Amino acid sequence: MSLSQNQRRHLRKLAHHLKPVVIIGNAGLAENVIAEIDSALAHHELIKVRLNAGDKQERQSMIDAIVAGTGADWVLSIGHIAAFYRTAEEPRIPLPKGS
C-alpha cells in the first residue's frame, strides 16, 4: 500500500506523541529484530523505531530493510527515530481519503 501525502501527513501527526517500541542497537538489524517490528506493526499499526546507526546513509539502509522485510510504509524519520505504518487486519487508525 502506498500512502498519499494527505495520509502520510495525518500519520505524522499521530506518530508525534508515540515512544519508540523497538530500539535497534549497535548489533544492527537482525532477523529477530525484523520479526519484532513485524509483530509490533500487527498490534499497533503505527510505530516508532529508534535506529542507533552511525550515519544517515546507514539509517536509511535500515529503513529500507524494515520496509522490505515487513511490508510497512515509511512515514517519517527525524534523527535516529523512524515511524512506520501498516494496516492491520482490523484497522484501528482511520485514514483520510488519498489525494
C-alpha atoms as a PDB file:
ATOM      1  CA  MET A   1       0.000   0.000   0.000  1.00  0.00           C
ATOM      2  CA  SER A   2       1.349   3.375  -0.927  1.00  0.00           C
ATOM      3  CA  LEU A   3       0.299   6.307   1.238  1.00  0.00           C
ATOM      4  CA  SER A   4      -0.830   9.605  -0.243  1.00  0.00           C
ATOM      5  CA  GLN A   5       0.679  12.844   1.024  1.00  0.00           C
ATOM      6  CA  ASN A   6      -2.534  13.594   2.924  1.00  0.00           C
ATOM      7  CA  GLN A   7      -2.461  10.190   4.650  1.00  0.00           C
ATOM      8  CA  ARG A   8       1.257  10.482   5.424  1.00  0.00           C
ATOM      9  CA  ARG A   9       0.681  13.930   6.979  1.00  0.00           C
ATOM     10  CA  HIS A  10      -2.136  12.517   9.119  1.00  0.00           C
ATOM     11  CA  LEU A  11       0.067   9.641  10.314  1.00  0.00           C
ATOM     12  CA  ARG A  12       2.937  12.026  11.133  1.00  0.00           C
ATOM     13  CA  LYS A  13       0.598  13.935  13.447  1.00  0.00           C
ATOM     14  CA  LEU A  14      -0.475  10.719  15.147  1.00  0.00           C
ATOM     15  CA  ALA A  15       3.110   9.450  15.479  1.00  0.00           C
ATOM     16  CA  HIS A  16       4.342  12.645  17.097  1.00  0.00           C
ATOM     17  CA  HIS A  17       3.433  11.619  20.665  1.00  0.00           C
ATOM     18  CA  LEU A  18       4.479   7.960  20.338  1.00  0.00           C
ATOM     19  CA  LYS A  19       7.534   6.488  22.036  1.00  0.00           C
ATOM     20  CA  PRO A  20       9.807   4.035  20.180  1.00  0.00           C
ATOM     21  CA  VAL A  21       8.616   0.450  20.688  1.00  0.00           C
ATOM     22  CA  VAL A  22      11.706  -1.144  19.119  1.00  0.00           C
ATOM     23  CA  ILE A  23      15.288   0.007  19.571  1.00  0.00           C
ATOM     24  CA  ILE A  24      17.924  -1.223  17.138  1.00  0.00           C
ATOM     25  CA  GLY A  25      21.250  -1.346  18.940  1.00  0.00           C
ATOM     26  CA  ASN A  26      24.823  -1.422  17.743  1.00  0.00           C
ATOM     27  CA  ALA A  27      24.442  -5.043  16.606  1.00  0.00           C
ATOM     28  CA  GLY A  28      22.317  -3.803  13.725  1.00  0.00           C
ATOM     29  CA  LEU A  29      19.220  -5.102  12.063  1.00  0.00           C
ATOM     30  CA  ALA A  30      18.894  -8.865  12.511  1.00  0.00           C
ATOM     31  CA  GLU A  31      16.047 -11.195  11.504  1.00  0.00           C
ATOM     32  CA  ASN A  32      14.713 -11.314  15.072  1.00  0.00           C
ATOM     33  CA  VAL A  33      14.517  -7.504  15.135  1.00  0.00           C
ATOM     34  CA  ILE A  34      12.567  -7.524  11.847  1.00  0.00           C
ATOM     35  CA  ALA A  35      10.232 -10.116  13.403  1.00  0.00           C
ATOM     36  CA  GLU A  36       9.731  -7.909  16.472  1.00  0.00           C
ATOM     37  CA  ILE A  37       8.951  -4.883  14.281  1.00  0.00           C
ATOM     38  CA  ASP A  38       6.516  -7.024  12.267  1.00  0.00           C
ATOM     39  CA  SER A  39       4.783  -8.104  15.468  1.00  0.00           C
ATOM     40  CA  ALA A  40       4.587  -4.519  16.765  1.00  0.00           C
ATOM     41  CA  LEU A  41       3.089  -3.356  13.457  1.00  0.00           C
ATOM     42  CA  ALA A  42       0.464  -6.116  13.591  1.00  0.00           C
ATOM     43  CA  HIS A  43      -0.534  -4.971  17.062  1.00  0.00           C
ATOM     44  CA  HIS A  44      -0.217  -1.164  16.821  1.00  0.00           C
ATOM     45  CA  GLU A  45      -0.346  -0.336  13.073  1.00  0.00           C
ATOM     46  CA  LEU A  46       1.751   2.819  13.636  1.00  0.00           C
ATOM     47  CA  ILE A  47       5.067   2.527  15.484  1.00  0.00           C
ATOM     48  CA  LYS A  48       8.303   4.374  16.066  1.00  0.00           C
ATOM     49  CA  VAL A  49      11.694   2.666  15.905  1.00  0.00           C
ATOM     50  CA  ARG A  50      14.964   4.038  17.277  1.00  0.00           C
ATOM     51  CA  LEU A  51      17.828   3.411  14.846  1.00  0.00           C
ATOM     52  CA  ASN A  52      21.172   3.607  16.628  1.00  0.00           C
ATOM     53  CA  ALA A  53      23.279   3.769  13.494  1.00  0.00           C
ATOM     54  CA  GLY A  54      26.353   5.858  12.934  1.00  0.00           C
ATOM     55  CA  ASP A  55      25.458   7.908   9.881  1.00  0.00           C
ATOM     56  CA  LYS A  56      22.449   8.960   7.839  1.00  0.00           C
ATOM     57  CA  GLN A  57      23.155   6.565   4.984  1.00  0.00           C
ATOM     58  CA  GLU A  58      23.308   3.586   7.356  1.00  0.00           C
ATOM     59  CA  ARG A  59      19.996   4.641   8.966  1.00  0.00           C
ATOM     60  CA  GLN A  60      18.387   4.922   5.526  1.00  0.00           C
ATOM     61  CA  SER A  61      19.549   1.420   4.605  1.00  0.00           C
ATOM     62  CA  MET A  62      17.979   0.139   7.860  1.00  0.00           C
ATOM     63  CA  ILE A  63      14.719   1.926   6.993  1.00  0.00           C
ATOM     64  CA  ASP A  64      14.745   0.342   3.525  1.00  0.00           C
ATOM     65  CA  ALA A  65      15.374  -3.104   5.041  1.00  0.00           C
ATOM     66  CA  ILE A  66      12.490  -2.663   7.515  1.00  0.00           C
ATOM     67  CA  VAL A  67      10.118  -1.602   4.722  1.00  0.00           C
ATOM     68  CA  ALA A  68      11.183  -4.572   2.578  1.00  0.00           C
ATOM     69  CA  GLY A  69      11.056  -7.053   5.472  1.00  0.00           C
ATOM     70  CA  THR A  70       7.683  -6.029   6.916  1.00  0.00           C
ATOM     71  CA  GLY A  71       5.703  -4.591   4.026  1.00  0.00           C
ATOM     72  CA  ALA A  72       5.182  -1.401   6.024  1.00  0.00           C
ATOM     73  CA  ASP A  73       5.132   2.162   4.766  1.00  0.00           C
ATOM     74  CA  TRP A  74       7.779   4.577   5.982  1.00  0.00           C
ATOM     75  CA  VAL A  75       6.008   7.592   7.493  1.00  0.00           C
ATOM     76  CA  LEU A  76       8.821   9.796   8.765  1.00  0.00           C
ATOM     77  CA  SER A  77      12.323   9.935  10.123  1.00  0.00           C
ATOM     78  CA  ILE A  78      13.807  12.579  12.366  1.00  0.00           C
ATOM     79  CA  GLY A  79      17.352  11.989  13.529  1.00  0.00           C
ATOM     80  CA  HIS A  80      17.593   8.467  14.904  1.00  0.00           C
ATOM     81  CA  ILE A  81      13.805   7.919  15.046  1.00  0.00           C
ATOM     82  CA  ALA A  82      11.687   6.496  12.218  1.00  0.00           C
ATOM     83  CA  ALA A  83       7.951   5.799  12.094  1.00  0.00           C
ATOM     84  CA  PHE A  84       6.290   3.015  10.121  1.00  0.00           C
ATOM     85  CA  TYR A  85       2.676   2.188   9.302  1.00  0.00           C
ATOM     86  CA  ARG A  86       0.996  -0.990   8.136  1.00  0.00           C
ATOM     87  CA  THR A  87      -2.754  -1.549   8.083  1.00  0.00           C
ATOM     88  CA  ALA A  88      -3.875  -4.289  10.460  1.00  0.00           C
ATOM     89  CA  GLU A  89      -6.407  -6.990   9.579  1.00  0.00           C
ATOM     90  CA  GLU A  90      -8.932  -4.925  11.540  1.00  0.00           C
ATOM     91  CA  PRO A  91      -7.754  -1.326  11.038  1.00  0.00           C
ATOM     92  CA  ARG A  92      -7.808   0.875  14.135  1.00  0.00           C
ATOM     93  CA  ILE A  93      -6.471   4.068  12.579  1.00  0.00           C
ATOM     94  CA  PRO A  94      -8.878   5.688  10.128  1.00  0.00           C
ATOM     95  CA  LEU A  95      -7.007   7.233   7.211  1.00  0.00           C
ATOM     96  CA  PRO A  96      -8.272  10.221   5.241  1.00  0.00           C
ATOM     97  CA  LYS A  97      -9.045   9.646   1.596  1.00  0.00           C
ATOM     98  CA  GLY A  98      -5.944   9.733  -0.577  1.00  0.00           C
ATOM     99  CA  SER A  99      -5.084  12.784  -2.657  1.00  0.00           C
END
